[in-house]
């Protein structure tokens, strides 16, 4: 998956916006105003930070050593950095994006989740 495919997939999800709140090379995707992924556009190979269940995060790091690592500049417990232009299976990348999105949505206040469902 390249950065353009990653961007398109993130933007296809309900309630997602993109912005550059930190600088002009760090693309941030939010669902209903909450970050679910961050993509460093100048980093090579391309990589993204994705939220992950803590136990699963450790298992993924062990299974995909060097391709999935503790989150860069993020909580190492809840975030992984994933090399998207790598040998990781395409379906796994999509599932990890979905997982990050779903984790954030599950923590949104009930009223905000209802607004998201109405979109």
PDB file of N, CA and C in Angstrom:
ATOM      1  N   UNK A   1       0.852  -1.182   0.000  1.00  0.00           N
ATOM      2  CA  UNK A   1       0.000   0.000   0.000  1.00  0.00           C
ATOM      3  C   UNK A   1       0.889   1.233   0.000  1.00  0.00           C
ATOM      4  N   UNK A   2       0.582   2.157  -0.865  1.00  0.00           N
ATOM      5  CA  UNK A   2       1.337   3.408  -0.863  1.00  0.00           C
ATOM      6  C   UNK A   2       0.546   4.473  -0.101  1.00  0.00           C
ATOM      7  N   UNK A   3       1.150   5.640   0.049  1.00  0.00           N
ATOM      8  CA  UNK A   3       0.536   6.705   0.848  1.00  0.00           C
ATOM      9  C   UNK A   3      -0.794   7.158   0.253  1.00  0.00           C
ATOM     10  N   UNK A   4      -0.896   7.227  -1.064  1.00  0.00           N
ATOM     11  CA  UNK A   4      -2.148   7.655  -1.696  1.00  0.00           C
ATOM     12  C   UNK A   4      -3.276   6.663  -1.420  1.00  0.00           C
ATOM     13  N   UNK A   5      -2.972   5.371  -1.516  1.00  0.00           N
ATOM     14  CA  UNK A   5      -3.980   4.349  -1.218  1.00  0.00           C
ATOM     15  C   UNK A   5      -4.389   4.411   0.253  1.00  0.00           C
ATOM     16  N   UNK A   6      -3.410   4.617   1.114  1.00  0.00           N
ATOM     17  CA  UNK A   6      -3.675   4.757   2.548  1.00  0.00           C
ATOM     18  C   UNK A   6      -4.617   5.933   2.785  1.00  0.00           C
ATOM     19  N   UNK A   7      -4.298   7.068   2.198  1.00  0.00           N
ATOM     20  CA  UNK A   7      -5.115   8.277   2.356  1.00  0.00           C
ATOM     21  C   UNK A   7      -6.537   8.030   1.868  1.00  0.00           C
ATOM     22  N   UNK A   8      -6.670   7.468   0.681  1.00  0.00           N
ATOM     23  CA  UNK A   8      -7.997   7.207   0.119  1.00  0.00           C
ATOM     24  C   UNK A   8      -8.822   6.295   1.025  1.00  0.00           C
ATOM     25  N   UNK A   9      -8.183   5.266   1.558  1.00  0.00           N
ATOM     26  CA  UNK A   9      -8.913   4.333   2.415  1.00  0.00           C
ATOM     27  C   UNK A   9      -9.370   5.034   3.705  1.00  0.00           C
ATOM     28  N   UNK A  10      -8.498   5.812   4.314  1.00  0.00           N
ATOM     29  CA  UNK A  10      -8.869   6.534   5.531  1.00  0.00           C
ATOM     30  C   UNK A  10     -10.032   7.488   5.266  1.00  0.00           C
ATOM     31  N   UNK A  11      -9.960   8.222   4.166  1.00  0.00           N
ATOM     32  CA  UNK A  11     -11.005   9.199   3.856  1.00  0.00           C
ATOM     33  C   UNK A  11     -12.330   8.545   3.462  1.00  0.00           C
ATOM     34  N   UNK A  12     -12.303   7.274   3.106  1.00  0.00           N
ATOM     35  CA  UNK A  12     -13.540   6.573   2.746  1.00  0.00           C
ATOM     36  C   UNK A  12     -14.373   6.215   3.976  1.00  0.00           C
ATOM     37  N   UNK A  13     -13.789   6.343   5.149  1.00  0.00           N
ATOM     38  CA  UNK A  13     -14.484   5.977   6.376  1.00  0.00           C
ATOM     39  C   UNK A  13     -15.376   7.130   6.852  1.00  0.00           C
ATOM     40  N   UNK A  14     -16.468   6.790   7.463  1.00  0.00           N
ATOM     41  CA  UNK A  14     -17.474   7.770   7.884  1.00  0.00           C
ATOM     42  C   UNK A  14     -16.911   8.725   8.950  1.00  0.00           C
ATOM     43  N   UNK A  15     -17.149  10.031   8.752  1.00  0.00           N
ATOM     44  CA  UNK A  15     -16.800  11.044   9.735  1.00  0.00           C
ATOM     45  C   UNK A  15     -15.331  11.426   9.787  1.00  0.00           C
ATOM     46  N   UNK A  16     -14.555  11.042   8.768  1.00  0.00           N
ATOM     47  CA  UNK A  16     -13.108  11.275   8.785  1.00  0.00           C
ATOM     48  C   UNK A  16     -12.749  12.583   8.092  1.00  0.00           C
ATOM     49  N   UNK A  17     -11.821  13.297   8.723  1.00  0.00           N
ATOM     50  CA  UNK A  17     -11.232  14.495   8.129  1.00  0.00           C
ATOM     51  C   UNK A  17      -9.722  14.349   8.144  1.00  0.00           C
ATOM     52  N   UNK A  18      -9.059  15.107   7.284  1.00  0.00           N
ATOM     53  CA  UNK A  18      -7.598  15.119   7.261  1.00  0.00           C
ATOM     54  C   UNK A  18      -7.121  16.540   7.494  1.00  0.00           C
ATOM     55  N   UNK A  19      -5.936  16.661   8.116  1.00  0.00           N
ATOM     56  CA  UNK A  19      -5.375  17.990   8.367  1.00  0.00           C
ATOM     57  C   UNK A  19      -3.884  17.855   8.639  1.00  0.00           C
ATOM     58  N   UNK A  20      -3.245  19.004   8.741  1.00  0.00           N
ATOM     59  CA  UNK A  20      -1.822  19.104   9.074  1.00  0.00           C
ATOM     60  C   UNK A  20      -1.676  19.973  10.327  1.00  0.00           C
ATOM     61  N   UNK A  21      -2.118  19.489  11.497  1.00  0.00           N
ATOM     62  CA  UNK A  21      -2.105  20.334  12.690  1.00  0.00           C
ATOM     63  C   UNK A  21      -0.723  20.567  13.300  1.00  0.00           C
ATOM     64  N   UNK A  22       0.248  19.719  12.983  1.00  0.00           N
ATOM     65  CA  UNK A  22       1.567  19.814  13.612  1.00  0.00           C
ATOM     66  C   UNK A  22       2.585  20.538  12.734  1.00  0.00           C
ATOM     67  N   UNK A  23       2.593  20.213  11.455  1.00  0.00           N
ATOM     68  CA  UNK A  23       3.513  20.819  10.484  1.00  0.00           C
ATOM     69  C   UNK A  23       2.993  20.468   9.097  1.00  0.00           C
ATOM     70  N   UNK A  24       3.749  20.801   8.064  1.00  0.00           N
ATOM     71  CA  UNK A  24       3.251  20.564   6.710  1.00  0.00           C
ATOM     72  C   UNK A  24       3.671  19.213   6.123  1.00  0.00           C
ATOM     73  N   UNK A  25       4.234  18.332   6.938  1.00  0.00           N
ATOM     74  CA  UNK A  25       4.639  17.006   6.444  1.00  0.00           C
ATOM     75  C   UNK A  25       4.063  15.862   7.292  1.00  0.00           C
ATOM     76  N   UNK A  26       3.210  16.187   8.249  1.00  0.00           N
ATOM     77  CA  UNK A  26       2.608  15.163   9.096  1.00  0.00           C
ATOM     78  C   UNK A  26       1.094  15.212   8.917  1.00  0.00           C
ATOM     79  N   UNK A  27       0.596  14.263   8.140  1.00  0.00           N
ATOM     80  CA  UNK A  27      -0.823  14.199   7.811  1.00  0.00           C
ATOM     81  C   UNK A  27      -1.567  13.447   8.909  1.00  0.00           C
ATOM     82  N   UNK A  28      -2.623  14.061   9.422  1.00  0.00           N
ATOM     83  CA  UNK A  28      -3.393  13.499  10.525  1.00  0.00           C
ATOM     84  C   UNK A  28      -4.822  13.228  10.059  1.00  0.00           C
ATOM     85  N   UNK A  29      -5.302  12.037  10.383  1.00  0.00           N
ATOM     86  CA  UNK A  29      -6.686  11.680  10.088  1.00  0.00           C
ATOM     87  C   UNK A  29      -7.434  11.566  11.411  1.00  0.00           C
ATOM     88  N   UNK A  30      -8.605  12.214  11.461  1.00  0.00           N
ATOM     89  CA  UNK A  30      -9.427  12.214  12.663  1.00  0.00           C
ATOM     90  C   UNK A  30     -10.817  11.710  12.316  1.00  0.00           C
ATOM     91  N   UNK A  31     -11.422  11.036  13.275  1.00  0.00           N
ATOM     92  CA  UNK A  31     -12.836  10.688  13.185  1.00  0.00           C
ATOM     93  C   UNK A  31     -13.546  11.487  14.265  1.00  0.00           C
ATOM     94  N   UNK A  32     -14.472  12.328  13.838  1.00  0.00           N
ATOM     95  CA  UNK A  32     -15.239  13.182  14.744  1.00  0.00           C
ATOM     96  C   UNK A  32     -14.317  13.964  15.674  1.00  0.00           C
ATOM     97  N   UNK A  33     -13.205  14.441  15.109  1.00  0.00           N
ATOM     98  CA  UNK A  33     -12.287  15.304  15.839  1.00  0.00           C
ATOM     99  C   UNK A  33     -11.221  14.596  16.662  1.00  0.00           C
ATOM    100  N   UNK A  34     -11.193  13.260  16.657  1.00  0.00           N
ATOM    101  CA  UNK A  34     -10.211  12.494  17.428  1.00  0.00           C
ATOM    102  C   UNK A  34      -9.269  11.752  16.482  1.00  0.00           C
ATOM    103  N   UNK A  35      -7.976  11.861  16.747  1.00  0.00           N
ATOM    104  CA  UNK A  35      -6.963  11.244  15.890  1.00  0.00           C
ATOM    105  C   UNK A  35      -7.071   9.727  15.932  1.00  0.00           C
ATOM    106  N   UNK A  36      -7.077   9.104  14.731  1.00  0.00           N
ATOM    107  CA  UNK A  36      -6.975   7.650  14.671  1.00  0.00           C
ATOM    108  C   UNK A  36      -5.760   7.183  13.885  1.00  0.00           C
ATOM    109  N   UNK A  37      -5.123   8.080  13.149  1.00  0.00           N
ATOM    110  CA  UNK A  37      -3.871   7.733  12.491  1.00  0.00           C
ATOM    111  C   UNK A  37      -3.098   8.987  12.107  1.00  0.00           C
ATOM    112  N   UNK A  38      -1.789   8.830  12.095  1.00  0.00           N
ATOM    113  CA  UNK A  38      -0.872   9.909  11.725  1.00  0.00           C
ATOM    114  C   UNK A  38       0.102   9.348  10.698  1.00  0.00           C
ATOM    115  N   UNK A  39       0.341  10.118   9.649  1.00  0.00           N
ATOM    116  CA  UNK A  39       1.214   9.668   8.565  1.00  0.00           C
ATOM    117  C   UNK A  39       2.295  10.717   8.309  1.00  0.00           C
ATOM    118  N   UNK A  40       3.545  10.319   8.516  1.00  0.00           N
ATOM    119  CA  UNK A  40       4.665  11.205   8.206  1.00  0.00           C
ATOM    120  C   UNK A  40       4.997  11.138   6.731  1.00  0.00           C
ATOM    121  N   UNK A  41       4.720  12.191   5.998  1.00  0.00           N
ATOM    122  CA  UNK A  41       4.862  12.171   4.542  1.00  0.00           C
ATOM    123  C   UNK A  41       6.308  12.163   4.055  1.00  0.00           C
ATOM    124  N   UNK A  42       7.238  12.602   4.889  1.00  0.00           N
ATOM    125  CA  UNK A  42       8.637  12.630   4.463  1.00  0.00           C
ATOM    126  C   UNK A  42       9.430  11.430   4.962  1.00  0.00           C
ATOM    127  N   UNK A  43       8.826  10.578   5.733  1.00  0.00           N
ATOM    128  CA  UNK A  43       9.529   9.424   6.283  1.00  0.00           C
ATOM    129  C   UNK A  43       9.623   8.325   5.229  1.00  0.00           C
ATOM    130  N   UNK A  44      10.805   7.762   5.105  1.00  0.00           N
ATOM    131  CA  UNK A  44      11.016   6.644   4.181  1.00  0.00           C
ATOM    132  C   UNK A  44      11.619   5.481   4.945  1.00  0.00           C
ATOM    133  N   UNK A  45      11.082   4.311   4.788  1.00  0.00           N
ATOM    134  CA  UNK A  45       9.878   3.999   3.999  1.00  0.00           C
ATOM    135  C   UNK A  45       8.634   4.597   4.652  1.00  0.00           C
ATOM    136  N   UNK A  46       7.556   4.745   3.856  1.00  0.00           N
ATOM    137  CA  UNK A  46       6.328   5.339   4.394  1.00  0.00           C
ATOM    138  C   UNK A  46       5.822   4.553   5.599  1.00  0.00           C
ATOM    139  N   UNK A  47       5.444   5.298   6.630  1.00  0.00           N
ATOM    140  CA  UNK A  47       4.948   4.658   7.840  1.00  0.00           C
ATOM    141  C   UNK A  47       3.856   5.496   8.461  1.00  0.00           C
ATOM    142  N   UNK A  48       3.004   4.808   9.217  1.00  0.00           N
ATOM    143  CA  UNK A  48       1.878   5.468   9.867  1.00  0.00           C
ATOM    144  C   UNK A  48       1.781   4.993  11.310  1.00  0.00           C
ATOM    145  N   UNK A  49       1.225   5.842  12.145  1.00  0.00           N
ATOM    146  CA  UNK A  49       0.924   5.456  13.517  1.00  0.00           C
ATOM    147  C   UNK A  49      -0.551   5.091  13.573  1.00  0.00           C
ATOM    148  N   UNK A  50      -0.821   3.923  14.147  1.00  0.00           N
ATOM    149  CA  UNK A  50      -2.188   3.435  14.283  1.00  0.00           C
ATOM    150  C   UNK A  50      -2.428   3.006  15.724  1.00  0.00           C
ATOM    151  N   UNK A  51      -3.568   3.384  16.260  1.00  0.00           N
ATOM    152  CA  UNK A  51      -3.936   2.955  17.612  1.00  0.00           C
ATOM    153  C   UNK A  51      -4.214   1.452  17.574  1.00  0.00           C
ATOM    154  N   UNK A  52      -3.914   0.783  18.698  1.00  0.00           N
ATOM    155  CA  UNK A  52      -4.076  -0.664  18.733  1.00  0.00           C
ATOM    156  C   UNK A  52      -4.338  -1.118  20.167  1.00  0.00           C
ATOM    157  N   UNK A  53      -5.137  -2.155  20.301  1.00  0.00           N
ATOM    158  CA  UNK A  53      -5.336  -2.788  21.594  1.00  0.00           C
ATOM    159  C   UNK A  53      -3.963  -3.185  22.133  1.00  0.00           C
ATOM    160  N   UNK A  54      -3.642  -2.883  23.404  1.00  0.00           N
ATOM    161  CA  UNK A  54      -2.298  -3.125  23.938  1.00  0.00           C
ATOM    162  C   UNK A  54      -1.777  -4.557  23.776  1.00  0.00           C
ATOM    163  N   UNK A  55      -2.596  -5.551  24.066  1.00  0.00           N
ATOM    164  CA  UNK A  55      -2.129  -6.938  23.923  1.00  0.00           C
ATOM    165  C   UNK A  55      -1.875  -7.290  22.464  1.00  0.00           C
ATOM    166  N   UNK A  56      -2.756  -6.848  21.619  1.00  0.00           N
ATOM    167  CA  UNK A  56      -2.587  -7.115  20.191  1.00  0.00           C
ATOM    168  C   UNK A  56      -1.379  -6.375  19.640  1.00  0.00           C
ATOM    169  N   UNK A  57      -1.132  -5.173  20.151  1.00  0.00           N
ATOM    170  CA  UNK A  57       0.017  -4.392  19.694  1.00  0.00           C
ATOM    171  C   UNK A  57       1.307  -5.164  19.889  1.00  0.00           C
ATOM    172  N   UNK A  58       1.466  -5.764  21.057  1.00  0.00           N
ATOM    173  CA  UNK A  58       2.678  -6.546  21.352  1.00  0.00           C
ATOM    174  C   UNK A  58       2.767  -7.756  20.428  1.00  0.00           C
ATOM    175  N   UNK A  59       1.650  -8.458  20.240  1.00  0.00           N
ATOM    176  CA  UNK A  59       1.646  -9.639  19.369  1.00  0.00           C
ATOM    177  C   UNK A  59       2.016  -9.264  17.931  1.00  0.00           C
ATOM    178  N   UNK A  60       1.497  -8.156  17.447  1.00  0.00           N
ATOM    179  CA  UNK A  60       1.815  -7.715  16.083  1.00  0.00           C
ATOM    180  C   UNK A  60       3.295  -7.362  15.949  1.00  0.00           C
ATOM    181  N   UNK A  61       3.851  -6.708  16.954  1.00  0.00           N
ATOM    182  CA  UNK A  61       5.275  -6.348  16.918  1.00  0.00           C
ATOM    183  C   UNK A  61       6.148  -7.594  16.869  1.00  0.00           C
ATOM    184  N   UNK A  62       5.743  -8.629  17.591  1.00  0.00           N
ATOM    185  CA  UNK A  62       6.508  -9.874  17.587  1.00  0.00           C
ATOM    186  C   UNK A  62       6.361 -10.606  16.256  1.00  0.00           C
ATOM    187  N   UNK A  63       5.146 -10.639  15.721  1.00  0.00           N
ATOM    188  CA  UNK A  63       4.888 -11.360  14.477  1.00  0.00           C
ATOM    189  C   UNK A  63       5.489 -10.667  13.255  1.00  0.00           C
ATOM    190  N   UNK A  64       5.568  -9.339  13.292  1.00  0.00           N
ATOM    191  CA  UNK A  64       6.051  -8.560  12.147  1.00  0.00           C
ATOM    192  C   UNK A  64       7.213  -7.675  12.577  1.00  0.00           C
ATOM    193  N   UNK A  65       8.208  -8.302  13.155  1.00  0.00           N
ATOM    194  CA  UNK A  65       9.384  -7.609  13.694  1.00  0.00           C
ATOM    195  C   UNK A  65      10.015  -6.692  12.649  1.00  0.00           C
ATOM    196  N   UNK A  66      10.151  -5.434  13.004  1.00  0.00           N
ATOM    197  CA  UNK A  66      10.755  -4.454  12.105  1.00  0.00           C
ATOM    198  C   UNK A  66       9.764  -3.773  11.177  1.00  0.00           C
ATOM    199  N   UNK A  67       8.608  -4.390  10.957  1.00  0.00           N
ATOM    200  CA  UNK A  67       7.583  -3.798  10.098  1.00  0.00           C
ATOM    201  C   UNK A  67       6.483  -3.131  10.916  1.00  0.00           C
ATOM    202  N   UNK A  68       6.278  -3.627  12.135  1.00  0.00           N
ATOM    203  CA  UNK A  68       5.362  -3.021  13.087  1.00  0.00           C
ATOM    204  C   UNK A  68       6.154  -2.856  14.383  1.00  0.00           C
ATOM    205  N   UNK A  69       6.296  -1.608  14.812  1.00  0.00           N
ATOM    206  CA  UNK A  69       7.125  -1.281  15.978  1.00  0.00           C
ATOM    207  C   UNK A  69       6.327  -0.371  16.919  1.00  0.00           C
ATOM    208  N   UNK A  70       6.814  -0.177  18.151  1.00  0.00           N
ATOM    209  CA  UNK A  70       6.117   0.749  19.056  1.00  0.00           C
ATOM    210  C   UNK A  70       5.940   2.134  18.420  1.00  0.00           C
ATOM    211  N   UNK A  71       4.838   2.768  18.716  1.00  0.00           N
ATOM    212  CA  UNK A  71       4.481   4.042  18.106  1.00  0.00           C
ATOM    213  C   UNK A  71       5.534   5.128  18.254  1.00  0.00           C
ATOM    214  N   UNK A  72       5.925   5.710  17.129  1.00  0.00           N
ATOM    215  CA  UNK A  72       6.901   6.801  17.086  1.00  0.00           C
ATOM    216  C   UNK A  72       6.256   8.064  17.632  1.00  0.00           C
ATOM    217  N   UNK A  73       6.833   8.632  18.686  1.00  0.00           N
ATOM    218  CA  UNK A  73       6.318   9.847  19.341  1.00  0.00           C
ATOM    219  C   UNK A  73       4.897   9.681  19.881  1.00  0.00           C
ATOM    220  N   UNK A  74       4.517   8.450  20.204  1.00  0.00           N
ATOM    221  CA  UNK A  74       3.182   8.168  20.717  1.00  0.00           C
ATOM    222  C   UNK A  74       3.316   7.250  21.929  1.00  0.00           C
ATOM    223  N   UNK A  75       2.212   6.991  22.601  1.00  0.00           N
ATOM    224  CA  UNK A  75       2.210   6.020  23.698  1.00  0.00           C
ATOM    225  C   UNK A  75       2.597   4.657  23.125  1.00  0.00           C
ATOM    226  N   UNK A  76       3.663   4.088  23.640  1.00  0.00           N
ATOM    227  CA  UNK A  76       4.146   2.796  23.145  1.00  0.00           C
ATOM    228  C   UNK A  76       3.195   1.664  23.513  1.00  0.00           C
ATOM    229  N   UNK A  77       2.296   1.904  24.445  1.00  0.00           N
ATOM    230  CA  UNK A  77       1.335   0.885  24.857  1.00  0.00           C
ATOM    231  C   UNK A  77       0.168   0.809  23.873  1.00  0.00           C
ATOM    232  N   UNK A  78      -0.314   1.968  23.433  1.00  0.00           N
ATOM    233  CA  UNK A  78      -1.540   2.032  22.643  1.00  0.00           C
ATOM    234  C   UNK A  78      -1.353   2.308  21.157  1.00  0.00           C
ATOM    235  N   UNK A  79      -0.144   2.572  20.723  1.00  0.00           N
ATOM    236  CA  UNK A  79       0.070   2.930  19.318  1.00  0.00           C
ATOM    237  C   UNK A  79       1.217   2.116  18.721  1.00  0.00           C
ATOM    238  N   UNK A  80       1.044   1.730  17.463  1.00  0.00           N
ATOM    239  CA  UNK A  80       2.097   1.084  16.684  1.00  0.00           C
ATOM    240  C   UNK A  80       2.454   1.969  15.505  1.00  0.00           C
ATOM    241  N   UNK A  81       3.708   1.922  15.119  1.00  0.00           N
ATOM    242  CA  UNK A  81       4.135   2.492  13.843  1.00  0.00           C
ATOM    243  C   UNK A  81       4.224   1.341  12.862  1.00  0.00           C
ATOM    244  N   UNK A  82       3.559   1.505  11.728  1.00  0.00           N
ATOM    245  CA  UNK A  82       3.450   0.441  10.734  1.00  0.00           C
ATOM    246  C   UNK A  82       4.053   0.925   9.426  1.00  0.00           C
ATOM    247  N   UNK A  83       4.988   0.144   8.881  1.00  0.00           N
ATOM    248  CA  UNK A  83       5.558   0.455   7.573  1.00  0.00           C
ATOM    249  C   UNK A  83       4.555  -0.008   6.527  1.00  0.00           C
ATOM    250  N   UNK A  84       3.922   0.951   5.853  1.00  0.00           N
ATOM    251  CA  UNK A  84       2.821   0.598   4.948  1.00  0.00           C
ATOM    252  C   UNK A  84       3.300   0.135   3.582  1.00  0.00           C
ATOM    253  N   UNK A  85       4.473   0.560   3.161  1.00  0.00           N
ATOM    254  CA  UNK A  85       5.007   0.158   1.865  1.00  0.00           C
ATOM    255  C   UNK A  85       6.034  -0.949   2.113  1.00  0.00           C
ATOM    256  N   UNK A  86       5.528  -2.100   2.592  1.00  0.00           N
ATOM    257  CA  UNK A  86       6.412  -3.184   3.007  1.00  0.00           C
ATOM    258  C   UNK A  86       5.797  -4.514   2.602  1.00  0.00           C
ATOM    259  N   UNK A  87       6.308  -5.560   3.178  1.00  0.00           N
ATOM    260  CA  UNK A  87       5.815  -6.904   2.880  1.00  0.00           C
ATOM    261  C   UNK A  87       4.609  -7.298   3.723  1.00  0.00           C
ATOM    262  N   UNK A  88       4.034  -6.367   4.447  1.00  0.00           N
ATOM    263  CA  UNK A  88       2.833  -6.685   5.206  1.00  0.00           C
ATOM    264  C   UNK A  88       1.685  -6.978   4.249  1.00  0.00           C
ATOM    265  N   UNK A  89       0.881  -7.972   4.551  1.00  0.00           N
ATOM    266  CA  UNK A  89      -0.280  -8.258   3.700  1.00  0.00           C
ATOM    267  C   UNK A  89      -1.222  -7.057   3.622  1.00  0.00           C
ATOM    268  N   UNK A  90      -1.700  -6.794   2.420  1.00  0.00           N
ATOM    269  CA  UNK A  90      -2.603  -5.659   2.181  1.00  0.00           C
ATOM    270  C   UNK A  90      -3.832  -5.734   3.083  1.00  0.00           C
ATOM    271  N   UNK A  91      -4.404  -6.912   3.212  1.00  0.00           N
ATOM    272  CA  UNK A  91      -5.601  -7.090   4.043  1.00  0.00           C
ATOM    273  C   UNK A  91      -5.308  -6.779   5.509  1.00  0.00           C
ATOM    274  N   UNK A  92      -4.106  -7.101   5.978  1.00  0.00           N
ATOM    275  CA  UNK A  92      -3.731  -6.779   7.357  1.00  0.00           C
ATOM    276  C   UNK A  92      -3.678  -5.266   7.546  1.00  0.00           C
ATOM    277  N   UNK A  93      -3.102  -4.544   6.588  1.00  0.00           N
ATOM    278  CA  UNK A  93      -3.044  -3.079   6.699  1.00  0.00           C
ATOM    279  C   UNK A  93      -4.440  -2.471   6.779  1.00  0.00           C
ATOM    280  N   UNK A  94      -5.335  -2.948   5.928  1.00  0.00           N
ATOM    281  CA  UNK A  94      -6.709  -2.439   5.966  1.00  0.00           C
ATOM    282  C   UNK A  94      -7.358  -2.741   7.314  1.00  0.00           C
ATOM    283  N   UNK A  95      -7.125  -3.944   7.816  1.00  0.00           N
ATOM    284  CA  UNK A  95      -7.713  -4.343   9.092  1.00  0.00           C
ATOM    285  C   UNK A  95      -7.147  -3.513  10.244  1.00  0.00           C
ATOM    286  N   UNK A  96      -5.855  -3.169  10.191  1.00  0.00           N
ATOM    287  CA  UNK A  96      -5.248  -2.352  11.244  1.00  0.00           C
ATOM    288  C   UNK A  96      -5.778  -0.917  11.228  1.00  0.00           C
ATOM    289  N   UNK A  97      -6.033  -0.397  10.037  1.00  0.00           N
ATOM    290  CA  UNK A  97      -6.659   0.931   9.927  1.00  0.00           C
ATOM    291  C   UNK A  97      -8.062   0.875  10.526  1.00  0.00           C
ATOM    292  N   UNK A  98      -8.824  -0.162  10.157  1.00  0.00           N
ATOM    293  CA  UNK A  98     -10.177  -0.324  10.692  1.00  0.00           C
ATOM    294  C   UNK A  98     -10.150  -0.447  12.214  1.00  0.00           C
ATOM    295  N   UNK A  99      -9.204  -1.216  12.729  1.00  0.00           N
ATOM    296  CA  UNK A  99      -9.087  -1.434  14.171  1.00  0.00           C
ATOM    297  C   UNK A  99      -8.824  -0.108  14.895  1.00  0.00           C
ATOM    298  N   UNK A 100      -7.918   0.695  14.365  1.00  0.00           N
ATOM    299  CA  UNK A 100      -7.609   1.989  14.967  1.00  0.00           C
ATOM    300  C   UNK A 100      -8.855   2.888  14.965  1.00  0.00           C
ATOM    301  N   UNK A 101      -9.505   2.955  13.829  1.00  0.00           N
ATOM    302  CA  UNK A 101     -10.728   3.750  13.686  1.00  0.00           C
ATOM    303  C   UNK A 101     -11.777   3.285  14.702  1.00  0.00           C
ATOM    304  N   UNK A 102     -11.995   1.973  14.767  1.00  0.00           N
ATOM    305  CA  UNK A 102     -13.017   1.421  15.662  1.00  0.00           C
ATOM    306  C   UNK A 102     -12.699   1.686  17.131  1.00  0.00           C
ATOM    307  N   UNK A 103     -11.414   1.604  17.498  1.00  0.00           N
ATOM    308  CA  UNK A 103     -11.037   1.901  18.884  1.00  0.00           C
ATOM    309  C   UNK A 103     -11.381   3.332  19.256  1.00  0.00           C
ATOM    310  N   UNK A 104     -11.091   4.258  18.355  1.00  0.00           N
ATOM    311  CA  UNK A 104     -11.386   5.665  18.630  1.00  0.00           C
ATOM    312  C   UNK A 104     -12.898   5.890  18.698  1.00  0.00           C
ATOM    313  N   UNK A 105     -13.630   5.325  17.750  1.00  0.00           N
ATOM    314  CA  UNK A 105     -15.089   5.491  17.737  1.00  0.00           C
ATOM    315  C   UNK A 105     -15.696   4.934  19.018  1.00  0.00           C
ATOM    316  N   UNK A 106     -15.187   3.816  19.490  1.00  0.00           N
ATOM    317  CA  UNK A 106     -15.755   3.194  20.696  1.00  0.00           C
ATOM    318  C   UNK A 106     -15.586   4.061  21.943  1.00  0.00           C
ATOM    319  N   UNK A 107     -14.611   4.960  21.934  1.00  0.00           N
ATOM    320  CA  UNK A 107     -14.358   5.836  23.087  1.00  0.00           C
ATOM    321  C   UNK A 107     -15.016   7.214  22.956  1.00  0.00           C
ATOM    322  N   UNK A 108     -15.656   7.467  21.826  1.00  0.00           N
ATOM    323  CA  UNK A 108     -16.352   8.743  21.652  1.00  0.00           C
ATOM    324  C   UNK A 108     -17.553   8.809  22.593  1.00  0.00           C
ATOM    325  N   UNK A 109     -17.897  10.006  23.049  1.00  0.00           N
ATOM    326  CA  UNK A 109     -19.114  10.138  23.847  1.00  0.00           C
ATOM    327  C   UNK A 109     -20.331   9.640  23.053  1.00  0.00           C
ATOM    328  N   UNK A 110     -21.319   9.142  23.761  1.00  0.00           N
ATOM    329  CA  UNK A 110     -22.507   8.572  23.122  1.00  0.00           C
ATOM    330  C   UNK A 110     -23.134   9.542  22.124  1.00  0.00           C
ATOM    331  N   UNK A 111     -23.247  10.794  22.498  1.00  0.00           N
ATOM    332  CA  UNK A 111     -23.861  11.797  21.610  1.00  0.00           C
ATOM    333  C   UNK A 111     -23.073  11.931  20.309  1.00  0.00           C
ATOM    334  N   UNK A 112     -21.753  11.919  20.398  1.00  0.00           N
ATOM    335  CA  UNK A 112     -20.905  12.049  19.202  1.00  0.00           C
ATOM    336  C   UNK A 112     -21.021  10.777  18.343  1.00  0.00           C
ATOM    337  N   UNK A 113     -21.083   9.610  18.979  1.00  0.00           N
ATOM    338  CA  UNK A 113     -21.266   8.361  18.219  1.00  0.00           C
ATOM    339  C   UNK A 113     -22.607   8.388  17.480  1.00  0.00           C
ATOM    340  N   UNK A 114     -23.629   8.920  18.116  1.00  0.00           N
ATOM    341  CA  UNK A 114     -24.937   9.031  17.458  1.00  0.00           C
ATOM    342  C   UNK A 114     -24.853   9.968  16.262  1.00  0.00           C
ATOM    343  N   UNK A 115     -24.138  11.099  16.404  1.00  0.00           N
ATOM    344  CA  UNK A 115     -23.947  12.017  15.286  1.00  0.00           C
ATOM    345  C   UNK A 115     -23.214  11.317  14.139  1.00  0.00           C
ATOM    346  N   UNK A 116     -22.200  10.535  14.475  1.00  0.00           N
ATOM    347  CA  UNK A 116     -21.450   9.790  13.451  1.00  0.00           C
ATOM    348  C   UNK A 116     -22.373   8.813  12.728  1.00  0.00           C
ATOM    349  N   UNK A 117     -23.222   8.119  13.460  1.00  0.00           N
ATOM    350  CA  UNK A 117     -24.131   7.146  12.845  1.00  0.00           C
ATOM    351  C   UNK A 117     -25.120   7.812  11.896  1.00  0.00           C
ATOM    352  N   UNK A 118     -25.420   9.080  12.152  1.00  0.00           N
ATOM    353  CA  UNK A 118     -26.359   9.807  11.302  1.00  0.00           C
ATOM    354  C   UNK A 118     -25.745  10.353  10.027  1.00  0.00           C
ATOM    355  N   UNK A 119     -24.429  10.319   9.930  1.00  0.00           N
ATOM    356  CA  UNK A 119     -23.770  10.830   8.711  1.00  0.00           C
ATOM    357  C   UNK A 119     -24.007   9.912   7.533  1.00  0.00           C
TER     358      UNK A 119
END
